[in-house]
Amino acid sequence: MLTYHYLAAVDILLLIATTIIFIYLFVAHRRSSGCGSSGVSGYGPLRGRDAGGMGARGLSDTGLDEGEDQWDELIGRLRTLLDVEKIYLDPNIRISDVASKLASNKTTLSKAIKAKTNKNFCQLVHSYRVKEAMSLFAQDRGLTIADLCSKVGFNSMTTFNTAFGRNTGFTPAEWCREYLKNNTIDERGSAKKNKKSAS
């Protein structure tokens, strides 16, 4: 009888210890998972391939009237940080740091981003990073996928691949292949015609 109680007590202690470790790891992960981390959260189902081909979605394709509410001034300043200062290239970017730069707080900034873009902060940062990766590859076709990933602020290839797919409908490798196929230069120096436009 004593052995049974002893084993039951050990089982309970193991369960409690496992639960505490799980909670600790979960909380630590949530605190450390900025936009460059390997945690990919907040994405809905995979979007279909962009009808226009390979375009990245940005701030303006939310379907919302950009001048309709109180968030315009804050979003305008955020766009300056993103477009001019390219803060999204920082692999350790945090919404709280960006909010401080904007003389705001993370709750207000988060609400403004959601209201104006229908994205969360990480999704917005990822969309800018994907656009930057596309631009870098267009400028230097010798860059590898890993080069693109690190140059635009991602800490993880998994996050980069997922974000790229969410924003373009392609993996980075698929997009680069398609880009090369549609933008090759023949020996005479003239751009090769796109097969779709030739038909």
C-alpha atoms as a PDB file:
ATOM      1  CA  MET A   1       0.000   0.000   0.000  1.00  0.00           C
ATOM      2  CA  LEU A   2       2.828   2.359   0.803  1.00  0.00           C
ATOM      3  CA  THR A   3       4.442   1.679  -2.604  1.00  0.00           C
ATOM      4  CA  TYR A   4       1.211   2.581  -4.432  1.00  0.00           C
ATOM      5  CA  HIS A   5       0.940   5.933  -2.581  1.00  0.00           C
ATOM      6  CA  TYR A   6       4.607   6.583  -3.154  1.00  0.00           C
ATOM      7  CA  LEU A   7       4.282   5.948  -6.919  1.00  0.00           C
ATOM      8  CA  ALA A   8       1.134   8.091  -7.129  1.00  0.00           C
ATOM      9  CA  ALA A   9       2.921  10.942  -5.351  1.00  0.00           C
ATOM     10  CA  VAL A  10       5.907  10.637  -7.698  1.00  0.00           C
ATOM     11  CA  ASP A  11       3.555  10.686 -10.728  1.00  0.00           C
ATOM     12  CA  ILE A  12       1.847  13.822  -9.435  1.00  0.00           C
ATOM     13  CA  LEU A  13       5.177  15.544  -8.765  1.00  0.00           C
ATOM     14  CA  LEU A  14       6.397  14.649 -12.277  1.00  0.00           C
ATOM     15  CA  LEU A  15       3.199  16.005 -13.774  1.00  0.00           C
ATOM     16  CA  ILE A  16       3.519  19.245 -11.801  1.00  0.00           C
ATOM     17  CA  ALA A  17       7.195  19.626 -12.748  1.00  0.00           C
ATOM     18  CA  THR A  18       6.444  18.982 -16.434  1.00  0.00           C
ATOM     19  CA  THR A  19       3.615  21.521 -16.359  1.00  0.00           C
ATOM     20  CA  ILE A  20       5.823  24.153 -14.720  1.00  0.00           C
ATOM     21  CA  ILE A  21       8.589  23.579 -17.279  1.00  0.00           C
ATOM     22  CA  PHE A  22       6.097  23.790 -20.149  1.00  0.00           C
ATOM     23  CA  ILE A  23       4.607  27.033 -18.815  1.00  0.00           C
ATOM     24  CA  TYR A  24       8.065  28.518 -18.278  1.00  0.00           C
ATOM     25  CA  LEU A  25       9.180  27.620 -21.816  1.00  0.00           C
ATOM     26  CA  PHE A  26       5.943  28.907 -23.320  1.00  0.00           C
ATOM     27  CA  VAL A  27       6.157  32.238 -21.501  1.00  0.00           C
ATOM     28  CA  ALA A  28       9.863  32.594 -22.300  1.00  0.00           C
ATOM     29  CA  HIS A  29       9.170  31.897 -25.975  1.00  0.00           C
ATOM     30  CA  ARG A  30       6.315  34.388 -26.129  1.00  0.00           C
ATOM     31  CA  ARG A  31       8.468  37.086 -24.538  1.00  0.00           C
ATOM     32  CA  SER A  32      11.438  36.452 -26.791  1.00  0.00           C
ATOM     33  CA  SER A  33       9.597  35.949 -30.062  1.00  0.00           C
ATOM     34  CA  GLY A  34       9.993  39.205 -31.878  1.00  0.00           C
ATOM     35  CA  CYS A  35       9.484  39.531 -35.613  1.00  0.00           C
ATOM     36  CA  GLY A  36      12.801  37.943 -36.434  1.00  0.00           C
ATOM     37  CA  SER A  37      12.297  34.830 -34.327  1.00  0.00           C
ATOM     38  CA  SER A  38      11.305  31.427 -35.549  1.00  0.00           C
ATOM     39  CA  GLY A  39       7.809  31.713 -34.077  1.00  0.00           C
ATOM     40  CA  VAL A  40       5.309  32.519 -36.797  1.00  0.00           C
ATOM     41  CA  SER A  41       2.059  33.625 -35.308  1.00  0.00           C
ATOM     42  CA  GLY A  42      -0.932  35.572 -36.410  1.00  0.00           C
ATOM     43  CA  TYR A  43      -1.140  34.258 -39.938  1.00  0.00           C
ATOM     44  CA  GLY A  44      -4.432  33.137 -41.320  1.00  0.00           C
ATOM     45  CA  PRO A  45      -4.766  30.407 -43.911  1.00  0.00           C
ATOM     46  CA  LEU A  46      -2.296  30.505 -46.787  1.00  0.00           C
ATOM     47  CA  ARG A  47      -3.383  33.029 -49.352  1.00  0.00           C
ATOM     48  CA  GLY A  48      -3.611  32.022 -52.961  1.00  0.00           C
ATOM     49  CA  ARG A  49      -0.992  33.101 -55.431  1.00  0.00           C
ATOM     50  CA  ASP A  50      -1.131  36.739 -56.283  1.00  0.00           C
ATOM     51  CA  ALA A  51      -3.021  37.246 -59.550  1.00  0.00           C
ATOM     52  CA  GLY A  52      -0.469  39.829 -60.622  1.00  0.00           C
ATOM     53  CA  GLY A  53       2.331  37.318 -60.334  1.00  0.00           C
ATOM     54  CA  MET A  54       4.882  38.014 -57.671  1.00  0.00           C
ATOM     55  CA  GLY A  55       3.868  41.233 -55.915  1.00  0.00           C
ATOM     56  CA  ALA A  56       4.120  41.567 -52.168  1.00  0.00           C
ATOM     57  CA  ARG A  57       1.218  42.844 -50.164  1.00  0.00           C
ATOM     58  CA  GLY A  58       1.857  46.037 -48.232  1.00  0.00           C
ATOM     59  CA  LEU A  59       0.218  48.718 -46.149  1.00  0.00           C
ATOM     60  CA  SER A  60      -2.169  49.889 -48.826  1.00  0.00           C
ATOM     61  CA  ASP A  61      -3.998  46.686 -49.694  1.00  0.00           C
ATOM     62  CA  THR A  62      -6.233  46.536 -46.644  1.00  0.00           C
ATOM     63  CA  GLY A  63      -9.384  47.756 -48.332  1.00  0.00           C
ATOM     64  CA  LEU A  64      -9.759  50.400 -45.622  1.00  0.00           C
ATOM     65  CA  ASP A  65     -10.157  54.105 -46.266  1.00  0.00           C
ATOM     66  CA  GLU A  66      -6.711  55.388 -45.288  1.00  0.00           C
ATOM     67  CA  GLY A  67      -8.006  58.772 -44.098  1.00  0.00           C
ATOM     68  CA  GLU A  68     -10.964  57.648 -42.080  1.00  0.00           C
ATOM     69  CA  ASP A  69      -9.859  57.664 -38.481  1.00  0.00           C
ATOM     70  CA  GLN A  70      -7.553  58.673 -35.653  1.00  0.00           C
ATOM     71  CA  TRP A  71      -4.682  56.424 -36.635  1.00  0.00           C
ATOM     72  CA  ASP A  72      -3.542  58.352 -39.733  1.00  0.00           C
ATOM     73  CA  GLU A  73      -0.854  60.464 -38.087  1.00  0.00           C
ATOM     74  CA  LEU A  74       0.625  57.527 -36.165  1.00  0.00           C
ATOM     75  CA  ILE A  75       0.627  55.283 -39.240  1.00  0.00           C
ATOM     76  CA  GLY A  76       2.205  58.099 -41.260  1.00  0.00           C
ATOM     77  CA  ARG A  77       5.102  58.280 -38.829  1.00  0.00           C
ATOM     78  CA  LEU A  78       5.351  54.478 -38.812  1.00  0.00           C
ATOM     79  CA  ARG A  79       5.545  54.462 -42.623  1.00  0.00           C
ATOM     80  CA  THR A  80       8.432  56.920 -42.402  1.00  0.00           C
ATOM     81  CA  LEU A  81      10.284  54.588 -40.038  1.00  0.00           C
ATOM     82  CA  LEU A  82       9.587  51.638 -42.327  1.00  0.00           C
ATOM     83  CA  ASP A  83      10.144  53.270 -45.722  1.00  0.00           C
ATOM     84  CA  VAL A  84      12.949  55.714 -44.942  1.00  0.00           C
ATOM     85  CA  GLU A  85      14.799  54.306 -41.942  1.00  0.00           C
ATOM     86  CA  LYS A  86      14.054  50.664 -42.847  1.00  0.00           C
ATOM     87  CA  ILE A  87      13.697  49.655 -39.209  1.00  0.00           C
ATOM     88  CA  TYR A  88      12.333  46.279 -40.321  1.00  0.00           C
ATOM     89  CA  LEU A  89      15.906  45.225 -41.192  1.00  0.00           C
ATOM     90  CA  ASP A  90      16.683  44.971 -37.461  1.00  0.00           C
ATOM     91  CA  PRO A  91      16.333  41.264 -36.610  1.00  0.00           C
ATOM     92  CA  ASN A  92      15.482  42.150 -33.001  1.00  0.00           C
ATOM     93  CA  ILE A  93      12.733  44.670 -33.761  1.00  0.00           C
ATOM     94  CA  ARG A  94      10.013  44.854 -31.104  1.00  0.00           C
ATOM     95  CA  ILE A  95       6.711  46.668 -31.209  1.00  0.00           C
ATOM     96  CA  SER A  96       7.455  48.300 -27.861  1.00  0.00           C
ATOM     97  CA  ASP A  97      10.699  49.795 -29.230  1.00  0.00           C
ATOM     98  CA  VAL A  98       8.949  51.098 -32.336  1.00  0.00           C
ATOM     99  CA  ALA A  99       6.119  52.524 -30.235  1.00  0.00           C
ATOM    100  CA  SER A 100       8.687  54.371 -28.100  1.00  0.00           C
ATOM    101  CA  LYS A 101      10.280  55.869 -31.237  1.00  0.00           C
ATOM    102  CA  LEU A 102       6.816  57.060 -32.248  1.00  0.00           C
ATOM    103  CA  ALA A 103       6.078  58.524 -28.780  1.00  0.00           C
ATOM    104  CA  SER A 104       3.245  56.038 -28.393  1.00  0.00           C
ATOM    105  CA  ASN A 105       2.701  52.741 -26.628  1.00  0.00           C
ATOM    106  CA  LYS A 106       2.500  49.216 -27.982  1.00  0.00           C
ATOM    107  CA  THR A 107      -1.257  48.863 -27.429  1.00  0.00           C
ATOM    108  CA  THR A 108      -2.087  52.012 -29.376  1.00  0.00           C
ATOM    109  CA  LEU A 109       0.385  51.172 -32.138  1.00  0.00           C
ATOM    110  CA  SER A 110      -0.917  47.628 -32.390  1.00  0.00           C
ATOM    111  CA  LYS A 111      -4.512  48.855 -32.697  1.00  0.00           C
ATOM    112  CA  ALA A 112      -3.524  51.429 -35.335  1.00  0.00           C
ATOM    113  CA  ILE A 113      -1.668  48.839 -37.402  1.00  0.00           C
ATOM    114  CA  LYS A 114      -4.575  46.412 -37.208  1.00  0.00           C
ATOM    115  CA  ALA A 115      -7.121  49.122 -38.087  1.00  0.00           C
ATOM    116  CA  LYS A 116      -5.146  50.442 -41.061  1.00  0.00           C
ATOM    117  CA  THR A 117      -3.556  47.281 -42.475  1.00  0.00           C
ATOM    118  CA  ASN A 118      -5.584  44.378 -41.115  1.00  0.00           C
ATOM    119  CA  LYS A 119      -2.245  42.868 -40.053  1.00  0.00           C
ATOM    120  CA  ASN A 120      -0.488  42.521 -36.756  1.00  0.00           C
ATOM    121  CA  PHE A 121       2.924  44.090 -36.170  1.00  0.00           C
ATOM    122  CA  CYS A 122       4.953  41.021 -37.118  1.00  0.00           C
ATOM    123  CA  GLN A 123       2.922  40.450 -40.282  1.00  0.00           C
ATOM    124  CA  LEU A 124       3.536  44.066 -41.289  1.00  0.00           C
ATOM    125  CA  VAL A 125       7.277  43.825 -40.608  1.00  0.00           C
ATOM    126  CA  HIS A 126       7.416  40.534 -42.504  1.00  0.00           C
ATOM    127  CA  SER A 127       5.675  42.079 -45.514  1.00  0.00           C
ATOM    128  CA  TYR A 128       8.306  44.830 -45.646  1.00  0.00           C
ATOM    129  CA  ARG A 129      11.099  42.292 -45.277  1.00  0.00           C
ATOM    130  CA  VAL A 130       9.714  40.186 -48.114  1.00  0.00           C
ATOM    131  CA  LYS A 131       9.488  43.245 -50.384  1.00  0.00           C
ATOM    132  CA  GLU A 132      13.082  44.107 -49.486  1.00  0.00           C
ATOM    133  CA  ALA A 133      14.244  40.551 -50.257  1.00  0.00           C
ATOM    134  CA  MET A 134      12.551  40.746 -53.656  1.00  0.00           C
ATOM    135  CA  SER A 135      14.219  44.085 -54.347  1.00  0.00           C
ATOM    136  CA  LEU A 136      17.652  42.817 -53.272  1.00  0.00           C
ATOM    137  CA  PHE A 137      17.363  39.769 -55.512  1.00  0.00           C
ATOM    138  CA  ALA A 138      16.336  41.950 -58.455  1.00  0.00           C
ATOM    139  CA  GLN A 139      19.500  44.020 -57.882  1.00  0.00           C
ATOM    140  CA  ASP A 140      21.838  41.064 -57.281  1.00  0.00           C
ATOM    141  CA  ARG A 141      20.748  37.753 -58.742  1.00  0.00           C
ATOM    142  CA  GLY A 142      23.733  36.014 -57.193  1.00  0.00           C
ATOM    143  CA  LEU A 143      22.298  36.228 -53.680  1.00  0.00           C
ATOM    144  CA  THR A 144      21.314  32.928 -52.102  1.00  0.00           C
ATOM    145  CA  ILE A 145      18.079  32.391 -50.212  1.00  0.00           C
ATOM    146  CA  ALA A 146      20.077  32.328 -46.961  1.00  0.00           C
ATOM    147  CA  ASP A 147      21.716  35.658 -47.913  1.00  0.00           C
ATOM    148  CA  LEU A 148      18.322  37.218 -48.551  1.00  0.00           C
ATOM    149  CA  CYS A 149      16.959  35.837 -45.288  1.00  0.00           C
ATOM    150  CA  SER A 150      19.713  37.342 -43.158  1.00  0.00           C
ATOM    151  CA  LYS A 151      20.011  40.637 -45.083  1.00  0.00           C
ATOM    152  CA  VAL A 152      16.348  41.529 -44.538  1.00  0.00           C
ATOM    153  CA  GLY A 153      16.240  40.790 -40.808  1.00  0.00           C
ATOM    154  CA  PHE A 154      14.946  37.244 -40.456  1.00  0.00           C
ATOM    155  CA  ASN A 155      16.675  35.041 -37.874  1.00  0.00           C
ATOM    156  CA  SER A 156      15.120  31.858 -39.192  1.00  0.00           C
ATOM    157  CA  MET A 157      14.778  30.326 -42.660  1.00  0.00           C
ATOM    158  CA  THR A 158      11.486  28.777 -41.560  1.00  0.00           C
ATOM    159  CA  THR A 159      10.029  32.164 -40.681  1.00  0.00           C
ATOM    160  CA  PHE A 160      11.396  33.654 -43.902  1.00  0.00           C
ATOM    161  CA  ASN A 161       9.879  30.883 -46.023  1.00  0.00           C
ATOM    162  CA  THR A 162       6.518  31.140 -44.265  1.00  0.00           C
ATOM    163  CA  ALA A 163       6.392  34.938 -44.468  1.00  0.00           C
ATOM    164  CA  PHE A 164       7.426  34.879 -48.115  1.00  0.00           C
ATOM    165  CA  GLY A 165       4.672  32.390 -48.911  1.00  0.00           C
ATOM    166  CA  ARG A 166       2.076  34.380 -46.989  1.00  0.00           C
ATOM    167  CA  ASN A 167       2.960  37.580 -48.833  1.00  0.00           C
ATOM    168  CA  THR A 168       3.548  36.295 -52.364  1.00  0.00           C
ATOM    169  CA  GLY A 169       2.091  32.816 -52.659  1.00  0.00           C
ATOM    170  CA  PHE A 170       5.565  31.515 -53.568  1.00  0.00           C
ATOM    171  CA  THR A 171       8.467  30.103 -51.602  1.00  0.00           C
ATOM    172  CA  PRO A 172      11.587  32.275 -51.933  1.00  0.00           C
ATOM    173  CA  ALA A 173      13.192  29.682 -54.232  1.00  0.00           C
ATOM    174  CA  GLU A 174      10.078  29.510 -56.461  1.00  0.00           C
ATOM    175  CA  TRP A 175       9.897  33.293 -56.674  1.00  0.00           C
ATOM    176  CA  CYS A 176      13.586  33.618 -57.550  1.00  0.00           C
ATOM    177  CA  ARG A 177      13.273  30.950 -60.274  1.00  0.00           C
ATOM    178  CA  GLU A 178      10.203  32.688 -61.716  1.00  0.00           C
ATOM    179  CA  TYR A 179      11.915  36.055 -61.543  1.00  0.00           C
ATOM    180  CA  LEU A 180      14.971  34.723 -63.379  1.00  0.00           C
ATOM    181  CA  LYS A 181      12.816  32.992 -65.970  1.00  0.00           C
ATOM    182  CA  ASN A 182      10.778  36.138 -66.648  1.00  0.00           C
ATOM    183  CA  ASN A 183      13.676  38.591 -66.515  1.00  0.00           C
ATOM    184  CA  THR A 184      16.553  36.942 -68.333  1.00  0.00           C
ATOM    185  CA  ILE A 185      18.704  38.825 -70.797  1.00  0.00           C
ATOM    186  CA  ASP A 186      19.690  37.165 -74.073  1.00  0.00           C
ATOM    187  CA  GLU A 187      23.142  37.522 -75.654  1.00  0.00           C
ATOM    188  CA  ARG A 188      22.122  40.620 -77.671  1.00  0.00           C
ATOM    189  CA  GLY A 189      21.302  42.474 -74.461  1.00  0.00           C
ATOM    190  CA  SER A 190      17.551  42.682 -74.973  1.00  0.00           C
ATOM    191  CA  ALA A 191      15.119  41.494 -72.372  1.00  0.00           C
ATOM    192  CA  LYS A 192      13.540  38.129 -73.096  1.00  0.00           C
ATOM    193  CA  LYS A 193       9.815  38.449 -73.650  1.00  0.00           C
ATOM    194  CA  ASN A 194       7.565  37.022 -71.024  1.00  0.00           C
ATOM    195  CA  LYS A 195       5.935  33.839 -72.355  1.00  0.00           C
ATOM    196  CA  LYS A 196       2.493  35.070 -71.264  1.00  0.00           C
ATOM    197  CA  SER A 197       2.800  38.297 -73.258  1.00  0.00           C
ATOM    198  CA  ALA A 198       4.047  36.439 -76.350  1.00  0.00           C
ATOM    199  CA  SER A 199       0.906  34.259 -76.535  1.00  0.00           C
END
